[in-house]
Protein backbone atom coordinates (compact mmCIF):
# COMPACT_ATOMS: atom_id res chain seq x y z
CA MET A 1 152.02 214.18 14.26
CA LYS A 2 149.97 212.26 11.71
CA GLN A 3 149.94 215.31 9.43
CA LEU A 4 153.72 215.61 9.68
CA VAL A 5 154.15 211.96 8.74
CA GLU A 6 151.92 212.44 5.71
CA TRP A 7 153.85 215.51 4.56
CA ILE A 8 157.11 213.59 4.81
CA LYS A 9 155.72 210.60 2.92
CA GLU A 10 154.35 212.84 0.15
CA SER A 11 157.41 215.05 -0.24
CA ALA A 12 159.93 214.66 -3.06
CA CYS A 13 162.69 216.20 -0.94
CA MET A 14 163.11 217.59 2.54
CA VAL A 15 165.37 219.98 4.45
CA VAL A 16 165.92 219.54 8.18
CA PHE A 17 167.34 222.34 10.31
CA THR A 18 169.10 220.99 13.37
CA GLY A 19 170.83 222.54 16.32
CA ALA A 20 174.17 222.06 18.00
CA GLY A 21 175.31 218.57 18.84
CA MET A 22 174.66 216.86 15.54
CA SER A 23 177.47 214.41 14.77
CA SER A 24 177.63 214.76 11.01
CA GLY A 25 181.35 215.21 10.50
CA LEU A 26 180.83 218.75 9.20
CA PRO A 27 183.18 221.30 10.76
CA ASN A 28 181.62 223.67 13.25
CA PHE A 29 182.33 227.38 13.57
CA ARG A 30 183.51 228.17 17.09
CA SER A 31 185.66 225.30 18.38
CA GLN A 32 189.47 225.31 18.37
CA THR A 33 189.40 223.57 14.98
CA GLY A 34 186.27 225.33 13.68
CA LEU A 35 185.89 227.39 10.52
CA TRP A 36 186.06 230.66 12.49
CA ARG A 37 189.27 229.84 14.41
CA GLY A 38 191.41 232.94 14.76
CA GLN A 39 188.64 235.18 13.41
CA ASP A 40 186.46 237.78 15.09
CA PRO A 41 182.95 236.24 15.14
CA MET A 42 181.36 239.69 15.46
CA ARG A 43 182.95 240.63 12.14
CA LEU A 44 181.91 237.38 10.44
CA ALA A 45 178.40 236.87 11.85
CA ASN A 46 176.99 239.86 10.09
CA PRO A 47 174.08 239.85 7.62
CA ARG A 48 176.05 242.20 5.33
CA ARG A 49 178.91 239.68 5.15
CA ALA A 50 177.42 236.97 2.94
CA ASP A 51 180.97 236.32 1.71
CA TRP A 52 182.32 235.27 5.15
CA TYR A 53 183.15 231.72 4.07
CA GLY A 54 185.45 232.90 1.31
CA ALA A 55 187.04 235.41 3.65
CA VAL A 56 187.84 232.71 6.19
CA THR A 57 188.99 230.01 3.82
CA SER A 58 191.27 232.31 1.82
CA SER A 59 193.21 233.56 4.85
């Protein structure tokens, strides 16, 4: 833990990956009001579909 604290103190910037349940105000994917509403998640959650966001937002 001490090493982690030192890395954070010494860093110029930091990225934190979090899981479900974060209350950030960002829209989620799978809820009734999520970004993927009305879409087939198996079609969108595909490594070959890096353009999924544009596909969803333009429909």
